[in-house]
Amino acid sequence: MVKADNNRNTTKRTVLPISSALGILSDKWSLLVVRDLFTGITTYNDLQCSPEKRPTNILANRLTRLTGHQIVEKKPYQQHPVRYEEILTP
């Protein structure tokens, strides 16, 4: 006899790398940010000038999210004032 799972709020997430990556990169804006970083566009201003015309709040959100998942790292390229470039991690 199989017992029904009455706790529908808990979902098991896979630990497979490809599935985890899809969970992080599954939206259009994240993929476009990664594409631009991959092609050498690294500053916020340059990322903002993309032909897709990303809204600034979405760009900032996706960079924060990608940094939190260690897909992107911020490195200072100027000290006064401090300015950062976004770089894909290995």
Protein backbone atom coordinates (compact mmCIF):
# COMPACT_ATOMS: atom_id res chain seq x y z
CA MET A 1 0.00 0.00 0.00
CA VAL A 2 1.40 3.39 -1.02
CA LYS A 3 0.83 6.20 1.41
CA ALA A 4 -0.27 9.50 -0.15
CA ASP A 5 1.89 12.53 0.48
CA ASN A 6 -0.43 15.07 2.05
CA ASN A 7 2.29 17.70 2.33
CA ARG A 8 2.15 19.21 -1.15
CA ASN A 9 4.29 22.23 -0.23
CA THR A 10 7.49 20.21 -0.14
CA THR A 11 8.95 19.40 -3.49
CA LYS A 12 12.11 17.47 -4.04
CA ARG A 13 14.67 19.26 -6.17
CA THR A 14 17.17 17.32 -8.14
CA VAL A 15 20.87 17.67 -7.51
CA LEU A 16 21.77 17.11 -11.15
CA PRO A 17 23.95 19.99 -12.40
CA ILE A 18 21.99 20.54 -15.61
CA SER A 19 18.70 20.71 -13.75
CA SER A 20 20.14 23.14 -11.22
CA ALA A 21 21.52 25.32 -14.02
CA LEU A 22 18.15 25.37 -15.76
CA GLY A 23 16.50 26.46 -12.54
CA ILE A 24 18.84 29.44 -12.32
CA LEU A 25 19.11 30.35 -16.00
CA SER A 26 15.65 29.45 -17.23
CA ASP A 27 14.45 32.99 -17.82
CA LYS A 28 15.23 35.05 -20.91
CA TRP A 29 16.94 37.92 -19.08
CA SER A 30 19.42 35.72 -17.21
CA LEU A 31 20.42 33.98 -20.42
CA LEU A 32 20.94 37.32 -22.17
CA VAL A 33 23.13 38.58 -19.32
CA VAL A 34 25.25 35.42 -19.45
CA ARG A 35 25.50 35.73 -23.24
CA ASP A 36 26.76 39.29 -23.00
CA LEU A 37 29.24 38.46 -20.25
CA PHE A 38 30.50 35.53 -22.31
CA THR A 39 31.17 37.85 -25.25
CA GLY A 40 33.23 40.23 -23.10
CA ILE A 41 30.71 42.87 -22.06
CA THR A 42 31.49 43.33 -18.37
CA THR A 43 30.37 46.73 -17.08
CA TYR A 44 26.87 47.54 -15.90
CA ASN A 45 26.57 50.44 -18.35
CA ASP A 46 27.60 48.27 -21.28
CA LEU A 47 25.22 45.51 -20.21
CA GLN A 48 22.47 48.10 -20.01
CA CYS A 49 23.11 49.18 -23.63
CA SER A 50 22.20 45.75 -24.96
CA PRO A 51 19.94 45.78 -28.05
CA GLU A 52 17.24 44.04 -25.98
CA LYS A 53 16.81 47.22 -23.87
CA ARG A 54 16.77 45.53 -20.46
CA PRO A 55 15.04 47.51 -17.74
CA THR A 56 17.58 48.53 -15.08
CA ASN A 57 15.68 46.83 -12.26
CA ILE A 58 15.71 43.52 -14.14
CA LEU A 59 19.40 43.80 -15.00
CA ALA A 60 20.31 44.58 -11.37
CA ASN A 61 18.12 41.70 -10.15
CA ARG A 62 19.63 39.18 -12.54
CA LEU A 63 23.21 40.23 -11.74
CA THR A 64 22.49 39.91 -8.02
CA ARG A 65 20.89 36.51 -8.55
CA LEU A 66 23.73 35.23 -10.74
CA THR A 67 26.29 36.52 -8.23
CA GLY A 68 24.42 34.78 -5.41
CA HIS A 69 24.63 31.49 -7.31
CA GLN A 70 28.35 32.09 -7.98
CA ILE A 71 27.89 32.19 -11.74
CA VAL A 72 29.07 35.79 -11.83
CA GLU A 73 31.56 37.61 -9.64
CA LYS A 74 32.11 41.31 -9.18
CA LYS A 75 35.64 42.68 -9.42
CA PRO A 76 36.56 46.32 -8.87
CA TYR A 77 38.17 47.96 -11.89
CA GLN A 78 38.23 51.51 -10.51
CA GLN A 79 38.87 52.71 -6.96
CA HIS A 80 37.59 56.33 -6.79
CA PRO A 81 34.65 55.93 -7.02
CA VAL A 82 34.64 52.16 -6.78
CA ARG A 83 33.23 50.62 -9.92
CA TYR A 84 32.84 46.94 -10.64
CA GLU A 85 32.90 44.70 -13.64
CA GLU A 86 30.86 41.53 -13.80
CA ILE A 87 32.79 38.40 -14.79
CA LEU A 88 31.63 34.84 -15.37
CA THR A 89 33.16 32.39 -12.95
CA PRO A 90 34.95 29.32 -14.32
